[in-house]
Amino acid sequence: MAAADVGNKRVAAGIFGIVLGALGIHKFIIGRTLAGIIMLVLTLVSMGFLAPIIALIGLIEGIIYLTKSNEEFYAMYIEGKRSWF
C-alpha cells in the first residue's frame, strides 16, 4: 500500500472516529468490519443509550489514529490487523 494511501486512510479514520465514533465508521475505513458492526449494532440496539460510551471509544481511537505516523498506523492497524485501540 502506498504511503499516501496509508496517510489518507489514517486521517479519514481518525476524523470519522472523532466525529461519528458511535457509528463505528472509522472501523469500516480501516477494514475491521466486525468491529464496526459491533459498534453500530450496540448504538442502534440500545436506542442510543450506549452511544456516549461508544462515541468515547471512537473519540479515543480517532485521536490515537491521528497521533500515529503513517508507518506506525500501517504496521499496527493495516498489516497487524489490530481492531481495538
Protein backbone atom coordinates (compact mmCIF):
# COMPACT_ATOMS: atom_id res chain seq x y z
CA MET A 1 0.00 0.00 0.00
CA ALA A 2 1.38 3.40 -0.97
CA ALA A 3 2.36 5.85 1.77
CA ALA A 4 -0.17 8.41 0.51
CA ASP A 5 -2.96 5.82 0.69
CA VAL A 6 -2.00 4.94 4.27
CA GLY A 7 -1.94 8.61 5.22
CA ASN A 8 -5.33 9.26 3.65
CA LYS A 9 -6.82 6.21 5.36
CA ARG A 10 -5.27 7.21 8.70
CA VAL A 11 -6.65 10.76 8.53
CA ALA A 12 -10.10 9.66 7.32
CA ALA A 13 -10.37 7.01 10.05
CA GLY A 14 -9.20 9.49 12.67
CA ILE A 15 -11.69 12.17 11.69
CA PHE A 16 -14.60 9.74 11.41
CA GLY A 17 -13.63 8.21 14.76
CA ILE A 18 -13.77 11.62 16.39
CA VAL A 19 -16.93 12.87 14.67
CA LEU A 20 -19.02 9.69 14.18
CA GLY A 21 -17.35 7.27 16.57
CA ALA A 22 -20.63 5.87 17.89
CA LEU A 23 -21.46 4.51 14.44
CA GLY A 24 -18.12 2.70 14.00
CA ILE A 25 -17.49 4.16 10.54
CA HIS A 26 -13.79 4.50 11.31
CA LYS A 27 -13.60 0.73 11.75
CA PHE A 28 -15.02 0.14 8.27
CA ILE A 29 -12.43 2.53 6.81
CA ILE A 30 -9.52 0.50 8.20
CA GLY A 31 -11.13 -2.79 7.18
CA ARG A 32 -12.31 -4.00 10.59
CA THR A 33 -15.88 -4.78 9.52
CA LEU A 34 -16.81 -6.94 12.52
CA ALA A 35 -15.66 -4.28 14.99
CA GLY A 36 -17.60 -1.65 13.03
CA ILE A 37 -20.73 -3.76 13.05
CA ILE A 38 -20.39 -4.33 16.79
CA MET A 39 -20.15 -0.59 17.46
CA LEU A 40 -23.04 0.21 15.13
CA VAL A 41 -25.31 -2.53 16.50
CA LEU A 42 -24.60 -1.59 20.13
CA THR A 43 -25.52 2.01 19.38
CA LEU A 44 -28.70 1.12 17.49
CA VAL A 45 -29.94 -1.76 19.67
CA SER A 46 -29.55 0.33 22.82
CA MET A 47 -31.60 3.07 21.11
CA GLY A 48 -28.72 5.46 21.65
CA PHE A 49 -28.36 4.73 25.37
CA LEU A 50 -24.84 3.33 24.86
CA ALA A 51 -23.97 5.91 22.19
CA PRO A 52 -21.98 8.17 24.56
CA ILE A 53 -19.80 5.25 25.65
CA ILE A 54 -19.27 4.01 22.10
CA ALA A 55 -18.64 7.60 20.95
CA LEU A 56 -15.97 7.97 23.64
CA ILE A 57 -14.25 4.83 22.35
CA GLY A 58 -14.42 6.29 18.82
CA LEU A 59 -13.00 9.60 20.05
CA ILE A 60 -10.08 7.90 21.77
CA GLU A 61 -9.37 5.72 18.73
CA GLY A 62 -9.62 8.70 16.39
CA ILE A 63 -7.06 10.61 18.43
CA ILE A 64 -4.79 7.56 18.52
CA TYR A 65 -5.03 7.16 14.74
CA LEU A 66 -4.16 10.81 14.14
CA THR A 67 -1.17 10.76 16.51
CA LYS A 68 0.43 7.72 14.85
CA SER A 69 2.85 8.11 11.98
CA ASN A 70 1.86 6.53 8.67
CA GLU A 71 4.35 3.72 9.29
CA GLU A 72 3.07 3.01 12.81
CA PHE A 73 -0.55 3.12 11.65
CA TYR A 74 0.17 0.73 8.77
CA ALA A 75 2.12 -1.71 10.93
CA MET A 76 -0.44 -1.73 13.73
CA TYR A 77 -3.86 -1.43 12.07
CA ILE A 78 -3.45 -2.45 8.42
CA GLU A 79 -0.72 -5.08 8.48
CA GLY A 80 -1.18 -6.12 12.12
CA LYS A 81 -4.99 -6.17 11.80
CA ARG A 82 -5.48 -4.69 15.25
CA SER A 83 -9.17 -3.95 15.85
CA TRP A 84 -9.34 -2.04 19.14
CA PHE A 85 -7.23 0.83 20.43
